[in-house]
C-alpha cells in the first residue's frame, strides 16, 4: 500500500501526540474505507506504440526530391546565364 503524505507536522507535535504510532482507528470510527479504482482513460503505452508509423522511408524520399529540385534550379540558372 502506498502512503500519500498530505500534512506535515512539526516534530514536537509528532512526539507529543505519538503520531508515528497512530492508525486510522485512532482518528476515525467505523470500518476502513474502500476506495473504488476506475479504469485508466488513456490506453497503456504498449498499445500506443503499435499505432506508430515508420516514416524513415518517406524522409529519404523527401531528401532525394529536394536534392533533385536543387539540381534542377541550378540547371535553370546555368541555362539563363548561357542565354544572356
N, C-alpha and C. Protein backbone atom coordinates (compact mmCIF):
# COMPACT_ATOMS: atom_id res chain seq x y z
N UNK A 1 0.85 -1.18 0.00
CA UNK A 1 0.00 0.00 0.00
C UNK A 1 0.89 1.24 0.00
N UNK A 2 0.61 2.16 -0.88
CA UNK A 2 1.40 3.37 -0.99
C UNK A 2 0.79 4.45 -0.11
N UNK A 3 1.62 5.06 0.70
CA UNK A 3 1.15 6.13 1.58
C UNK A 3 1.37 7.48 0.92
N UNK A 4 0.39 8.32 1.03
CA UNK A 4 0.49 9.67 0.48
C UNK A 4 0.50 10.64 1.66
N UNK A 5 1.52 11.46 1.70
CA UNK A 5 1.62 12.42 2.79
C UNK A 5 0.88 13.69 2.39
N UNK A 6 -0.14 14.01 3.19
CA UNK A 6 -0.95 15.19 2.91
C UNK A 6 -0.55 16.33 3.82
N UNK A 7 -0.29 16.01 5.09
CA UNK A 7 0.07 17.01 6.07
C UNK A 7 1.48 16.78 6.56
N UNK A 8 2.09 17.84 7.00
CA UNK A 8 3.41 17.77 7.60
C UNK A 8 3.32 18.42 8.98
N UNK A 9 3.73 17.67 10.00
CA UNK A 9 3.64 18.18 11.37
C UNK A 9 5.02 18.49 11.91
N UNK A 10 5.07 19.42 12.83
CA UNK A 10 6.33 19.73 13.49
C UNK A 10 6.71 18.54 14.37
N UNK A 11 8.00 18.31 14.48
CA UNK A 11 8.48 17.13 15.20
C UNK A 11 8.03 17.12 16.67
N UNK A 12 7.88 18.27 17.30
CA UNK A 12 7.47 18.29 18.70
C UNK A 12 6.04 17.76 18.87
N UNK A 13 5.16 18.03 17.88
CA UNK A 13 3.80 17.53 17.97
C UNK A 13 3.73 16.03 17.63
N UNK A 14 4.59 15.60 16.75
CA UNK A 14 4.65 14.17 16.44
C UNK A 14 5.01 13.39 17.70
N UNK A 15 5.98 13.90 18.44
CA UNK A 15 6.40 13.23 19.68
C UNK A 15 5.32 13.37 20.76
N UNK A 16 4.74 14.55 20.90
CA UNK A 16 3.77 14.81 21.96
C UNK A 16 2.52 13.93 21.82
N UNK A 17 2.00 13.79 20.59
CA UNK A 17 0.76 13.04 20.38
C UNK A 17 1.01 11.61 19.86
N UNK A 18 2.30 11.23 19.80
CA UNK A 18 2.70 9.89 19.34
C UNK A 18 2.08 9.56 17.98
N UNK A 19 2.27 10.46 17.03
CA UNK A 19 1.67 10.31 15.71
C UNK A 19 2.32 9.22 14.87
N UNK A 20 3.55 8.85 15.21
CA UNK A 20 4.20 7.77 14.46
C UNK A 20 3.53 6.43 14.75
N UNK A 21 2.88 6.31 15.90
CA UNK A 21 2.22 5.07 16.29
C UNK A 21 0.72 5.10 15.97
N UNK A 22 0.20 6.24 15.52
CA UNK A 22 -1.23 6.40 15.28
C UNK A 22 -1.68 5.60 14.07
N UNK A 23 -2.92 5.11 14.12
CA UNK A 23 -3.52 4.39 13.00
C UNK A 23 -4.83 5.07 12.62
N UNK A 24 -5.48 4.53 11.61
CA UNK A 24 -6.74 5.09 11.13
C UNK A 24 -7.79 5.07 12.23
N UNK A 25 -7.83 3.99 12.99
CA UNK A 25 -8.83 3.83 14.04
C UNK A 25 -8.68 4.88 15.15
N UNK A 26 -7.48 5.43 15.33
CA UNK A 26 -7.29 6.46 16.34
C UNK A 26 -7.98 7.78 15.97
N UNK A 27 -8.21 8.00 14.71
CA UNK A 27 -8.78 9.26 14.26
C UNK A 27 -10.23 9.14 13.82
N UNK A 28 -10.62 7.98 13.29
CA UNK A 28 -11.96 7.80 12.74
C UNK A 28 -12.62 6.55 13.31
N UNK A 29 -13.92 6.61 13.51
CA UNK A 29 -14.64 5.43 13.99
C UNK A 29 -15.28 4.73 12.80
N UNK A 30 -15.52 3.46 12.93
CA UNK A 30 -16.15 2.70 11.86
C UNK A 30 -15.14 1.92 11.05
N UNK A 31 -15.62 1.24 10.02
CA UNK A 31 -14.72 0.40 9.20
C UNK A 31 -13.81 1.24 8.31
N UNK A 32 -12.77 0.61 7.84
CA UNK A 32 -11.86 1.27 6.90
C UNK A 32 -12.58 1.56 5.60
N UNK A 33 -12.32 2.68 4.97
CA UNK A 33 -12.99 2.99 3.71
C UNK A 33 -12.43 2.11 2.58
N UNK A 34 -13.28 1.77 1.65
CA UNK A 34 -12.88 1.01 0.47
C UNK A 34 -13.01 1.96 -0.72
N UNK A 35 -11.91 2.24 -1.34
CA UNK A 35 -11.91 3.16 -2.48
C UNK A 35 -11.97 2.37 -3.77
N UNK A 36 -12.87 2.75 -4.64
CA UNK A 36 -13.04 2.07 -5.92
C UNK A 36 -12.04 2.63 -6.91
N UNK A 37 -11.40 1.74 -7.63
CA UNK A 37 -10.45 2.17 -8.66
C UNK A 37 -11.16 2.22 -10.00
N UNK A 38 -10.98 3.31 -10.71
CA UNK A 38 -11.57 3.42 -12.03
C UNK A 38 -10.56 3.00 -13.08
N UNK A 39 -11.07 2.66 -14.26
CA UNK A 39 -10.19 2.26 -15.35
C UNK A 39 -9.46 3.49 -15.87
N UNK A 40 -8.22 3.31 -16.31
CA UNK A 40 -7.49 4.46 -16.86
C UNK A 40 -8.14 4.94 -18.16
N UNK A 41 -8.17 6.24 -18.35
CA UNK A 41 -8.79 6.81 -19.54
C UNK A 41 -7.89 6.74 -20.76
N UNK A 42 -6.59 6.77 -20.51
CA UNK A 42 -5.63 6.69 -21.61
C UNK A 42 -5.21 5.24 -21.79
N UNK A 43 -4.96 4.84 -23.02
CA UNK A 43 -4.50 3.46 -23.23
C UNK A 43 -3.08 3.29 -22.71
N UNK A 44 -2.72 2.09 -22.34
CA UNK A 44 -1.34 1.87 -21.89
C UNK A 44 -0.35 2.19 -23.00
N UNK A 45 0.85 2.52 -22.64
CA UNK A 45 1.85 2.96 -23.62
C UNK A 45 2.20 1.85 -24.60
N UNK A 46 2.12 0.60 -24.19
CA UNK A 46 2.44 -0.50 -25.09
C UNK A 46 1.49 -0.52 -26.28
N UNK A 47 0.23 -0.25 -26.07
CA UNK A 47 -0.74 -0.21 -27.16
C UNK A 47 -0.54 1.01 -28.04
N UNK A 48 -0.13 2.11 -27.45
CA UNK A 48 0.07 3.34 -28.22
C UNK A 48 1.21 3.18 -29.22
N UNK A 49 2.22 2.38 -28.88
CA UNK A 49 3.37 2.21 -29.77
C UNK A 49 2.99 1.44 -31.03
N UNK A 50 1.95 0.62 -30.98
CA UNK A 50 1.53 -0.13 -32.16
C UNK A 50 1.01 0.78 -33.25
N UNK A 51 0.52 1.95 -32.89
CA UNK A 51 -0.06 2.87 -33.85
C UNK A 51 0.99 3.77 -34.52
N UNK A 52 2.25 3.64 -34.14
CA UNK A 52 3.29 4.49 -34.73
C UNK A 52 3.53 4.11 -36.18
N UNK A 53 3.82 5.09 -36.98
CA UNK A 53 4.09 4.88 -38.40
C UNK A 53 5.56 5.15 -38.66
N UNK A 54 6.20 4.25 -39.40
CA UNK A 54 7.60 4.42 -39.73
C UNK A 54 7.72 5.34 -40.94
N UNK A 55 8.31 6.50 -40.73
CA UNK A 55 8.43 7.50 -41.80
C UNK A 55 9.85 7.63 -42.33
N UNK A 56 10.74 6.74 -41.95
CA UNK A 56 12.13 6.88 -42.39
C UNK A 56 12.25 6.78 -43.89
N UNK A 57 11.46 5.90 -44.52
CA UNK A 57 11.49 5.78 -45.99
C UNK A 57 11.01 7.06 -46.65
N UNK A 58 9.97 7.66 -46.11
CA UNK A 58 9.46 8.91 -46.66
C UNK A 58 10.45 10.04 -46.47
N UNK A 59 11.17 10.04 -45.35
CA UNK A 59 12.18 11.07 -45.12
C UNK A 59 13.26 11.00 -46.18
N UNK A 60 13.68 9.79 -46.50
CA UNK A 60 14.71 9.62 -47.53
C UNK A 60 14.19 10.08 -48.89
N UNK A 61 12.94 9.78 -49.18
CA UNK A 61 12.33 10.20 -50.45
C UNK A 61 12.26 11.72 -50.53
N UNK A 62 11.91 12.36 -49.43
CA UNK A 62 11.83 13.83 -49.40
C UNK A 62 13.22 14.43 -49.63
N UNK A 63 14.23 13.87 -48.98
CA UNK A 63 15.61 14.37 -49.17
C UNK A 63 16.04 14.22 -50.63
N UNK A 64 15.68 13.09 -51.23
CA UNK A 64 16.05 12.84 -52.62
C UNK A 64 15.37 13.85 -53.55
N UNK A 65 14.07 14.09 -53.32
CA UNK A 65 13.34 15.04 -54.15
C UNK A 65 13.87 16.46 -53.99
N UNK A 66 14.25 16.84 -52.76
CA UNK A 66 14.83 18.16 -52.53
C UNK A 66 16.14 18.31 -53.29
N UNK A 67 16.94 17.25 -53.29
CA UNK A 67 18.22 17.27 -53.99
C UNK A 67 17.99 17.41 -55.49
N UNK A 68 17.01 16.66 -56.02
CA UNK A 68 16.69 16.75 -57.45
C UNK A 68 16.22 18.15 -57.81
N UNK A 69 15.38 18.74 -56.96
CA UNK A 69 14.87 20.09 -57.22
C UNK A 69 16.00 21.12 -57.21
N UNK A 70 16.92 20.94 -56.28
CA UNK A 70 18.07 21.85 -56.21
C UNK A 70 18.90 21.76 -57.49
N UNK A 71 19.10 20.54 -57.99
CA UNK A 71 19.86 20.36 -59.22
C UNK A 71 19.13 20.98 -60.41
N UNK A 72 17.78 20.85 -60.42
CA UNK A 72 17.00 21.46 -61.50
C UNK A 72 17.14 22.98 -61.48
N UNK A 73 17.09 23.58 -60.29
CA UNK A 73 17.22 25.04 -60.18
C UNK A 73 18.59 25.49 -60.68
N UNK A 74 19.64 24.72 -60.32
CA UNK A 74 20.99 25.08 -60.77
C UNK A 74 21.10 24.97 -62.28
N UNK A 75 20.46 23.95 -62.84
CA UNK A 75 20.48 23.78 -64.30
C UNK A 75 19.77 24.95 -64.98
N UNK A 76 18.65 25.40 -64.40
CA UNK A 76 17.92 26.53 -64.97
C UNK A 76 18.77 27.79 -64.91
N UNK A 77 19.47 28.01 -63.78
CA UNK A 77 20.33 29.19 -63.66
C UNK A 77 21.44 29.16 -64.70
N UNK A 78 22.02 27.97 -64.94
CA UNK A 78 23.10 27.85 -65.92
C UNK A 78 22.59 28.16 -67.32
N UNK A 79 21.38 27.71 -67.64
CA UNK A 79 20.79 27.99 -68.94
C UNK A 79 20.58 29.48 -69.15
N UNK A 80 20.07 30.15 -68.07
CA UNK A 80 19.83 31.59 -68.17
C UNK A 80 21.11 32.34 -68.36
N UNK A 81 22.18 31.94 -67.67
CA UNK A 81 23.46 32.61 -67.82
C UNK A 81 24.04 32.42 -69.21
N UNK A 82 23.82 31.25 -69.80
CA UNK A 82 24.32 30.95 -71.13
C UNK A 82 23.57 31.72 -72.20
N UNK A 83 22.29 31.96 -71.99
CA UNK A 83 21.48 32.65 -72.97
C UNK A 83 21.68 34.16 -72.91
N UNK A 84 22.00 34.69 -71.73
CA UNK A 84 22.10 36.14 -71.58
C UNK A 84 23.35 36.65 -72.12
